[in-house]
Amino acid sequence: MIVLSVHNFYRQPGGEDEVFRQEAQLLEKNGHQVVRYEAHNDDIPNRGSIAMLAQTVFNQRAYHRLRALLRSSKPDIVHVHNTFPLVSPAVYYAAVAEGIPVVQTLHNYRLLCPSAVLYRNNSVCEKCTHARSSWPAIQHACYRQSRPASAAAAAMLTVHRMAGTFRKHVTTYIALSEFARGKFIQGGFPPEKVVVKPNFIEPDPGRGPGLGNYCIFVGRLVPEKGILTMLDAWTRFSPPLDLEIAGDGDLANEVAAAAERCPRIRWLGRLPKAQLYDRMKNATALLLPSLWYEPFGLVVVEAFAMGLPVIASRIGALAALVEHGRTGFHVEPQNPSDLAAQVSQLHANSRVSRAMRIEARREFERWYTGDRNYSLLMDIYLATIERYKSLPAQSGVVAPQAEEIKTLVQIAGKSS
């Protein structure tokens, strides 16, 4: 099989970038040809410009490049990971024009929410999920705390909701969990088009000994990850284990300040993978005190592969991903006292800790290996190709031109 894999890289590396790479490598390992189309947010010239807004809605240059690549590579399927903002939904129109089915992985909530996280002002927000327009996102500057940037994201959503792009031009959506699938169906996505396939880890990093006397957080230092809750747990309630924080982001200054005040908090910054895995393998528990609806949590699967128990918020996909009392503990979001208590409980009972390390590893081996994921992915590809054959021909679909894009953006603005 020939697969065109499409991804727009973020400025700050994250789990989506890793999944894009790993999935392509998994396919190649199993004998398939992967053609990559990549864009990078470092190449964005001016986020607030009118030209950037129009390009986010429909990037004509990307459309023509993709059509040329589709003609030359002749893939069986197009697998899209992230289109925002430089690829844009133009990729769907290019695939339709060349008669090729599209699979879109829903790594976040971008097709429901301009900020992609369903989170605002320290709490879950679903105001744009069911609305025809995404005006609240512009009003509250939800994306990057910028109204112009939020307007670009909102215009993209509004225009393509009105045009029916997401409903008509994507053959299959991959949600990472049943929870995320439910949210997209609530947001109007056809249930028959949304399937579930979790992320995976390959190569297997192997079990860790857990010889350290610390908990570890791994990820972006942003409010929705519960960073402040975690810092409060250590500075106010003093759990019996040290805390290591690996990552970087908007709350880096707050983390650095907390590490200065509390000697039991260590900020490691962003580590190379080998060093990061070494710290994880020797940790007592991974902490994920998220405040938002995590669609999945790739770092949880990494922890399970190492036999590392996870203490995570009872919210979003994490509530099902981590089994309370077996592979880790649940905590209430925004509750530093509860977080400290669960850390203390794990530390106090070595028998429970050992049992959790065994069960975490079993969970990885059962659900999240490369071999299992490859089987799931191929089932999805083959079903998608068969479904596409049964759909009415879309040969009459024409990509919008520059003047039409401007008109669509203006209509979206009036609708908002």
Protein backbone atom coordinates (compact mmCIF):
# COMPACT_ATOMS: atom_id res chain seq x y z
CA MET A 1 0.00 0.00 0.00
CA ILE A 2 1.12 3.57 -0.67
CA VAL A 3 0.13 6.06 2.03
CA LEU A 4 0.42 9.85 1.85
CA SER A 5 0.95 11.00 5.45
CA VAL A 6 0.27 14.69 6.09
CA HIS A 7 1.30 16.72 9.13
CA ASN A 8 1.72 20.36 10.14
CA PHE A 9 4.40 20.49 12.87
CA TYR A 10 3.92 22.84 15.81
CA ARG A 11 6.57 25.27 17.05
CA GLN A 12 6.68 23.44 20.36
CA PRO A 13 7.20 19.68 19.80
CA GLY A 14 4.49 17.43 21.18
CA GLY A 15 2.86 14.03 21.10
CA GLU A 16 1.21 14.58 17.71
CA ASP A 17 4.59 15.02 16.03
CA GLU A 18 5.83 11.81 17.65
CA VAL A 19 2.76 9.81 16.56
CA PHE A 20 3.13 11.09 12.98
CA ARG A 21 6.73 9.84 12.88
CA GLN A 22 6.06 6.54 14.64
CA GLU A 23 3.04 5.65 12.52
CA ALA A 24 4.95 6.28 9.29
CA GLN A 25 7.86 4.18 10.53
CA LEU A 26 5.47 1.39 11.58
CA LEU A 27 3.98 1.28 8.08
CA GLU A 28 7.41 1.25 6.44
CA LYS A 29 8.58 -1.51 8.78
CA ASN A 30 5.65 -3.61 7.51
CA GLY A 31 6.52 -3.11 3.86
CA HIS A 32 4.34 -0.15 2.87
CA GLN A 33 5.52 2.99 1.10
CA VAL A 34 4.95 6.23 3.01
CA VAL A 35 5.07 9.56 1.21
CA ARG A 36 5.30 12.47 3.66
CA TYR A 37 3.90 15.96 3.19
CA GLU A 38 5.06 18.25 5.99
CA ALA A 39 4.63 21.88 7.00
CA HIS A 40 6.22 23.67 9.96
CA ASN A 41 4.80 26.50 12.04
CA ASP A 42 8.26 28.08 12.18
CA ASP A 43 7.50 29.17 8.61
CA ILE A 44 4.49 31.31 9.56
CA PRO A 45 5.38 34.90 8.53
CA ASN A 46 2.66 36.92 10.27
CA ARG A 47 -0.03 35.22 12.32
CA GLY A 48 -2.26 38.29 12.46
CA SER A 49 -2.27 39.21 8.76
CA ILE A 50 -5.29 38.96 6.47
CA ALA A 51 -3.22 36.78 4.14
CA MET A 52 -2.50 34.38 6.99
CA LEU A 53 -6.19 34.25 7.91
CA ALA A 54 -7.17 33.39 4.33
CA GLN A 55 -4.37 30.80 4.11
CA THR A 56 -5.58 29.16 7.32
CA VAL A 57 -9.05 28.84 5.80
CA PHE A 58 -7.76 27.45 2.49
CA ASN A 59 -4.10 27.36 1.46
CA GLN A 60 -4.11 27.42 -2.34
CA ARG A 61 -0.37 26.82 -2.60
CA ALA A 62 -0.68 23.71 -0.42
CA TYR A 63 -3.66 22.58 -2.52
CA HIS A 64 -1.68 22.70 -5.79
CA ARG A 65 1.41 21.11 -4.22
CA LEU A 66 -0.68 18.29 -2.77
CA ARG A 67 -2.46 17.63 -6.06
CA ALA A 68 0.88 17.38 -7.84
CA LEU A 69 2.20 15.04 -5.14
CA LEU A 70 -0.93 12.88 -5.32
CA ARG A 71 -0.60 12.56 -9.10
CA SER A 72 3.06 11.59 -8.91
CA SER A 73 2.90 9.22 -5.93
CA LYS A 74 -0.57 7.71 -6.60
CA PRO A 75 -1.30 6.73 -2.98
CA ASP A 76 -4.07 4.35 -1.98
CA ILE A 77 -5.03 6.55 0.94
CA VAL A 78 -4.28 9.97 2.45
CA HIS A 79 -3.75 9.97 6.22
CA VAL A 80 -3.91 13.46 7.74
CA HIS A 81 -2.62 14.20 11.23
CA ASN A 82 -2.65 17.99 11.59
CA THR A 83 -3.63 20.63 9.01
CA PHE A 84 -3.50 23.76 11.18
CA PRO A 85 -2.65 26.31 10.03
CA LEU A 86 -0.37 25.95 6.98
CA VAL A 87 -1.77 22.83 5.31
CA SER A 88 -5.39 23.86 5.91
CA PRO A 89 -8.45 21.81 4.82
CA ALA A 90 -7.10 22.21 1.27
CA VAL A 91 -5.69 18.70 1.70
CA TYR A 92 -9.21 17.24 1.74
CA TYR A 93 -10.15 19.01 -1.50
CA ALA A 94 -6.91 17.88 -3.16
CA ALA A 95 -7.66 14.27 -2.25
CA VAL A 96 -11.26 14.53 -3.48
CA ALA A 97 -10.06 16.01 -6.77
CA GLU A 98 -7.74 13.03 -7.28
CA GLY A 99 -10.30 10.45 -6.13
CA ILE A 100 -8.42 9.26 -3.03
CA PRO A 101 -10.01 8.49 0.37
CA VAL A 102 -8.97 10.47 3.45
CA VAL A 103 -8.36 9.35 7.03
CA GLN A 104 -8.04 12.13 9.62
CA THR A 105 -6.66 11.40 13.08
CA LEU A 106 -8.32 13.59 15.73
CA HIS A 107 -5.30 14.26 17.93
CA ASN A 108 -7.06 17.18 19.62
CA TYR A 109 -10.38 19.05 19.45
CA ARG A 110 -9.41 21.53 16.70
CA LEU A 111 -12.42 20.61 14.54
CA LEU A 112 -14.72 21.51 17.44
CA CYS A 113 -12.83 24.30 19.19
CA PRO A 114 -10.50 27.00 17.78
CA SER A 115 -8.07 26.55 20.68
CA ALA A 116 -8.20 22.74 20.20
CA VAL A 117 -8.47 22.01 23.94
CA LEU A 118 -12.09 22.75 25.00
CA TYR A 119 -10.61 24.74 27.89
CA ARG A 120 -10.77 28.41 28.91
CA ASN A 121 -10.23 30.40 32.11
CA ASN A 122 -9.16 27.37 34.15
CA SER A 123 -12.16 25.24 33.29
CA VAL A 124 -13.65 23.10 30.52
CA CYS A 125 -15.42 25.17 27.84
CA GLU A 126 -17.63 23.77 25.06
CA LYS A 127 -19.24 27.00 23.81
CA CYS A 128 -18.02 26.56 20.23
CA THR A 129 -18.71 22.83 20.02
CA HIS A 130 -22.33 23.02 18.91
CA ALA A 131 -22.46 26.61 17.64
CA ARG A 132 -22.66 27.48 13.95
CA SER A 133 -19.94 30.09 14.47
CA SER A 134 -16.96 30.34 16.82
CA TRP A 135 -17.39 33.96 17.87
CA PRO A 136 -16.80 33.20 21.60
CA ALA A 137 -13.26 32.06 20.74
CA ILE A 138 -12.51 35.43 19.12
CA GLN A 139 -14.19 37.34 21.93
CA HIS A 140 -12.08 35.57 24.56
CA ALA A 141 -8.90 35.32 22.45
CA CYS A 142 -8.84 31.58 23.10
CA TYR A 143 -6.06 30.68 20.67
CA ARG A 144 -2.63 31.91 21.77
CA GLN A 145 -4.33 34.70 23.76
CA SER A 146 -4.62 36.61 20.49
CA ARG A 147 -7.80 37.82 18.81
CA PRO A 148 -6.26 37.85 15.29
CA ALA A 149 -4.92 34.30 15.73
CA SER A 150 -8.23 33.20 17.24
CA ALA A 151 -10.06 34.80 14.31
CA ALA A 152 -8.03 32.70 11.86
CA ALA A 153 -8.85 29.48 13.70
CA ALA A 154 -12.51 30.46 14.11
CA ALA A 155 -12.85 31.45 10.44
CA MET A 156 -11.41 28.10 9.34
CA LEU A 157 -13.95 26.25 11.48
CA THR A 158 -16.93 28.41 10.54
CA VAL A 159 -16.24 28.39 6.79
CA HIS A 160 -15.78 24.63 6.58
CA ARG A 161 -18.73 23.87 8.81
CA MET A 162 -20.86 25.98 6.45
CA ALA A 163 -19.35 24.24 3.41
CA GLY A 164 -19.80 20.76 4.90
CA THR A 165 -16.10 20.00 4.36
CA PHE A 166 -15.62 17.89 7.48
CA ARG A 167 -18.81 15.93 6.88
CA LYS A 168 -18.40 15.32 3.13
CA HIS A 169 -14.70 15.21 2.27
CA VAL A 170 -13.20 13.04 5.03
CA THR A 171 -13.94 9.33 4.70
CA THR A 172 -12.90 8.19 8.18
CA TYR A 173 -11.96 9.90 11.43
CA ILE A 174 -9.75 8.21 14.01
CA ALA A 175 -10.50 9.23 17.59
CA LEU A 176 -7.92 8.21 20.17
CA SER A 177 -10.43 7.10 22.81
CA GLU A 178 -14.12 6.36 23.27
CA PHE A 179 -14.39 9.58 25.27
CA ALA A 180 -13.02 11.68 22.39
CA ARG A 181 -15.24 9.84 19.89
CA GLY A 182 -18.27 10.74 22.00
CA LYS A 183 -17.31 14.42 22.03
CA PHE A 184 -16.99 14.57 18.25
CA ILE A 185 -20.30 12.80 17.74
CA GLN A 186 -21.93 15.28 20.16
CA GLY A 187 -20.38 17.99 17.99
CA GLY A 188 -22.19 16.70 14.90
CA PHE A 189 -19.71 14.28 13.32
CA PRO A 190 -21.36 11.22 11.69
CA PRO A 191 -21.02 8.29 14.14
CA GLU A 192 -20.36 5.82 11.32
CA LYS A 193 -17.30 7.82 10.25
CA VAL A 194 -15.60 8.02 13.66
CA VAL A 195 -13.63 4.96 14.78
CA VAL A 196 -11.32 4.48 17.77
CA LYS A 197 -7.63 3.60 17.59
CA PRO A 198 -5.31 4.49 20.48
CA ASN A 199 -1.74 5.64 20.09
CA PHE A 200 1.16 3.25 20.65
CA ILE A 201 4.85 3.08 21.51
CA GLU A 202 7.50 1.53 19.29
CA PRO A 203 10.21 0.58 19.86
CA ASP A 204 9.35 -0.80 23.26
CA PRO A 205 11.46 1.12 25.82
CA GLY A 206 11.36 -1.81 28.26
CA ARG A 207 10.57 -2.02 31.94
CA GLY A 208 12.15 0.29 34.46
CA PRO A 209 13.39 -0.61 37.96
CA GLY A 210 11.72 2.31 39.74
CA LEU A 211 14.71 2.84 42.02
CA GLY A 212 14.26 6.59 42.41
CA ASN A 213 12.31 8.21 45.22
CA TYR A 214 10.41 10.73 43.11
CA CYS A 215 7.36 11.36 40.94
CA ILE A 216 7.75 12.77 37.46
CA PHE A 217 5.67 15.01 35.19
CA VAL A 218 6.40 14.91 31.45
CA GLY A 219 4.81 17.33 28.99
CA ARG A 220 4.06 20.90 28.05
CA LEU A 221 4.04 23.41 30.89
CA VAL A 222 0.63 24.91 30.15
CA PRO A 223 -2.34 25.64 32.45
CA GLU A 224 -4.61 22.88 31.14
CA LYS A 225 -2.03 20.24 32.15
CA GLY A 226 -2.64 21.04 35.84
CA ILE A 227 0.87 22.40 36.42
CA LEU A 228 -0.23 24.84 39.14
CA THR A 229 -2.22 22.12 40.93
CA MET A 230 0.91 19.97 40.99
CA LEU A 231 3.11 22.79 42.29
CA ASP A 232 0.53 23.56 44.99
CA ALA A 233 0.52 19.90 46.07
CA TRP A 234 4.25 20.02 46.78
CA THR A 235 4.55 23.53 48.23
CA ARG A 236 1.42 23.32 50.45
CA PHE A 237 0.96 19.63 51.33
CA SER A 238 4.50 18.22 51.11
CA PRO A 239 3.98 14.63 49.86
CA PRO A 240 6.77 12.20 50.81
CA LEU A 241 8.36 11.94 47.33
CA ASP A 242 10.35 14.49 45.35
CA LEU A 243 8.89 15.95 42.16
CA GLU A 244 10.72 16.14 38.83
CA ILE A 245 9.22 18.17 35.98
CA ALA A 246 10.40 17.48 32.42
CA GLY A 247 9.18 19.89 29.75
CA ASP A 248 8.87 23.51 28.75
CA GLY A 249 6.09 25.95 27.97
CA ASP A 250 4.14 29.01 29.02
CA LEU A 251 4.37 28.27 32.75
CA ALA A 252 8.15 27.75 32.77
CA ASN A 253 8.69 30.81 34.97
CA GLU A 254 6.21 29.56 37.56
CA VAL A 255 7.88 26.14 37.61
CA ALA A 256 11.34 27.68 37.95
CA ALA A 257 10.14 29.89 40.82
CA ALA A 258 8.56 26.92 42.62
CA ALA A 259 11.78 24.92 42.23
CA GLU A 260 13.71 27.78 43.83
CA ARG A 261 11.31 27.97 46.79
CA CYS A 262 11.00 24.21 47.31
CA PRO A 263 14.19 22.09 47.14
CA ARG A 264 12.09 18.94 46.61
CA ILE A 265 10.91 20.23 43.20
CA ARG A 266 13.37 19.87 40.31
CA TRP A 267 12.77 21.36 36.86
CA LEU A 268 14.64 19.32 34.25
CA GLY A 269 13.61 21.34 31.19
CA ARG A 270 13.15 19.51 27.91
CA LEU A 271 15.29 16.36 27.88
CA PRO A 272 16.56 14.17 25.03
CA LYS A 273 14.45 11.02 24.83
CA ALA A 274 17.14 8.71 26.21
CA GLN A 275 17.57 10.86 29.31
CA LEU A 276 13.83 11.32 29.70
CA TYR A 277 13.20 7.59 29.55
CA ASP A 278 15.92 7.01 32.12
CA ARG A 279 14.22 9.42 34.54
CA MET A 280 10.82 7.81 33.88
CA LYS A 281 12.12 4.27 34.38
CA ASN A 282 13.40 5.15 37.84
CA ALA A 283 10.39 7.17 38.95
CA THR A 284 7.80 5.94 41.45
CA ALA A 285 4.85 7.37 39.51
CA LEU A 286 4.01 9.54 36.52
CA LEU A 287 1.79 12.50 37.34
CA LEU A 288 -0.83 13.81 34.91
CA PRO A 289 -3.12 16.16 36.89
CA SER A 290 -4.84 17.53 33.77
CA LEU A 291 -7.73 19.97 33.88
CA TRP A 292 -8.89 19.51 30.29
CA TYR A 293 -10.44 16.64 28.38
CA GLU A 294 -7.27 14.81 27.33
CA PRO A 295 -8.20 12.95 24.10
CA PHE A 296 -5.69 10.25 25.01
CA GLY A 297 -2.31 10.77 26.73
CA LEU A 298 0.67 9.26 24.87
CA VAL A 299 2.90 9.76 27.92
CA VAL A 300 0.63 7.38 29.85
CA VAL A 301 1.35 4.61 27.33
CA GLU A 302 5.08 5.37 27.60
CA ALA A 303 4.76 5.02 31.38
CA PHE A 304 2.86 1.74 31.08
CA ALA A 305 5.56 0.35 28.77
CA MET A 306 8.11 1.03 31.53
CA GLY A 307 5.89 -0.45 34.23
CA LEU A 308 5.38 3.01 35.74
CA PRO A 309 2.09 3.63 37.60
CA VAL A 310 0.19 6.79 36.69
CA ILE A 311 -1.59 9.23 38.99
CA ALA A 312 -3.99 11.11 36.72
CA SER A 313 -7.04 13.33 36.89
CA ARG A 314 -10.43 11.66 36.65
CA ILE A 315 -11.33 13.58 33.49
CA GLY A 316 -11.55 12.97 29.75
CA ALA A 317 -9.90 9.86 28.37
CA LEU A 318 -7.64 9.58 31.43
CA ALA A 319 -10.54 8.28 33.51
CA ALA A 320 -10.62 5.11 31.38
CA LEU A 321 -6.95 4.96 30.35
CA VAL A 322 -5.79 4.68 33.97
CA GLU A 323 -7.62 2.07 36.06
CA HIS A 324 -7.85 3.29 39.64
CA GLY A 325 -6.15 0.88 42.02
CA ARG A 326 -4.68 -1.31 39.25
CA THR A 327 -2.48 0.76 36.91
CA GLY A 328 -2.46 3.90 39.03
CA PHE A 329 -4.72 6.27 40.96
CA HIS A 330 -7.31 8.87 39.97
CA VAL A 331 -7.40 12.34 41.53
CA GLU A 332 -9.94 15.11 41.36
CA PRO A 333 -8.91 17.90 38.94
CA GLN A 334 -7.67 21.10 40.59
CA ASN A 335 -7.34 19.36 43.97
CA PRO A 336 -3.72 19.57 45.21
CA SER A 337 -4.64 17.95 48.53
CA ASP A 338 -6.03 14.87 46.75
CA LEU A 339 -2.93 14.67 44.53
CA ALA A 340 -0.63 14.79 47.55
CA ALA A 341 -2.75 12.15 49.32
CA GLN A 342 -2.56 9.69 46.38
CA VAL A 343 1.21 10.14 46.14
CA SER A 344 1.47 9.45 49.87
CA GLN A 345 -0.72 6.36 49.54
CA LEU A 346 1.45 4.91 46.77
CA HIS A 347 4.63 5.65 48.71
CA ALA A 348 3.29 4.05 51.90
CA ASN A 349 2.35 0.71 50.33
CA SER A 350 5.23 -0.98 48.52
CA ARG A 351 3.11 -4.07 47.78
CA VAL A 352 0.53 -1.98 45.91
CA SER A 353 3.29 -0.13 44.08
CA ARG A 354 4.90 -3.39 42.89
CA ALA A 355 1.55 -4.79 41.77
CA MET A 356 0.77 -1.61 39.84
CA ARG A 357 4.11 -1.77 38.04
CA ILE A 358 3.28 -5.29 36.85
CA GLU A 359 -0.26 -4.35 35.78
CA ALA A 360 0.89 -1.21 33.97
CA ARG A 361 3.29 -3.27 31.87
CA ARG A 362 0.57 -5.83 31.14
CA GLU A 363 -1.72 -3.03 29.97
CA PHE A 364 0.92 -1.88 27.50
CA GLU A 365 1.54 -5.38 26.16
CA ARG A 366 -2.19 -5.99 25.69
CA TRP A 367 -3.24 -2.75 24.00
CA TYR A 368 -0.42 -0.41 22.99
CA THR A 369 2.32 -2.28 21.13
CA GLY A 370 3.32 -1.52 17.55
CA ASP A 371 2.10 -4.91 16.31
CA ARG A 372 -1.39 -4.45 17.73
CA ASN A 373 -1.60 -0.90 16.42
CA TYR A 374 -0.49 -1.93 12.95
CA SER A 375 -3.32 -4.47 12.80
CA LEU A 376 -5.86 -1.84 13.88
CA LEU A 377 -4.52 0.73 11.41
CA MET A 378 -4.67 -1.65 8.46
CA ASP A 379 -8.24 -2.64 9.33
CA ILE A 380 -9.15 1.06 9.28
CA TYR A 381 -7.38 1.69 5.97
CA LEU A 382 -9.00 -1.27 4.22
CA ALA A 383 -12.47 -0.42 5.55
CA THR A 384 -11.97 3.21 4.48
CA ILE A 385 -11.00 2.24 0.94
CA GLU A 386 -14.05 -0.03 0.67
CA ARG A 387 -16.37 2.65 2.05
CA TYR A 388 -14.97 5.23 -0.37
CA LYS A 389 -15.73 2.95 -3.31
CA SER A 390 -19.38 2.85 -2.27
CA LEU A 391 -19.76 6.62 -1.95
CA PRO A 392 -21.20 8.83 -4.74
CA ALA A 393 -18.51 10.28 -6.99
CA GLN A 394 -17.28 13.72 -5.95
CA SER A 395 -15.74 14.68 -9.26
CA GLY A 396 -17.72 17.92 -9.37
CA VAL A 397 -16.08 19.34 -6.22
CA VAL A 398 -13.99 22.41 -7.07
CA ALA A 399 -11.50 24.05 -4.72
CA PRO A 400 -12.36 27.68 -3.82
CA GLN A 401 -10.33 30.41 -5.51
CA ALA A 402 -8.76 33.46 -3.85
CA GLU A 403 -11.80 35.74 -4.27
CA GLU A 404 -14.15 33.02 -3.10
CA ILE A 405 -12.02 32.50 0.02
CA LYS A 406 -12.26 36.20 0.84
CA THR A 407 -16.02 36.05 0.40
CA LEU A 408 -16.28 32.97 2.60
CA VAL A 409 -14.22 34.66 5.31
CA GLN A 410 -16.47 37.72 5.14
CA ILE A 411 -19.58 35.52 5.39
CA ALA A 412 -18.04 33.72 8.36
CA GLY A 413 -17.39 37.07 10.04
CA LYS A 414 -20.99 38.19 9.53
CA SER A 415 -22.24 34.84 10.78
CA SER A 416 -20.13 35.30 13.93
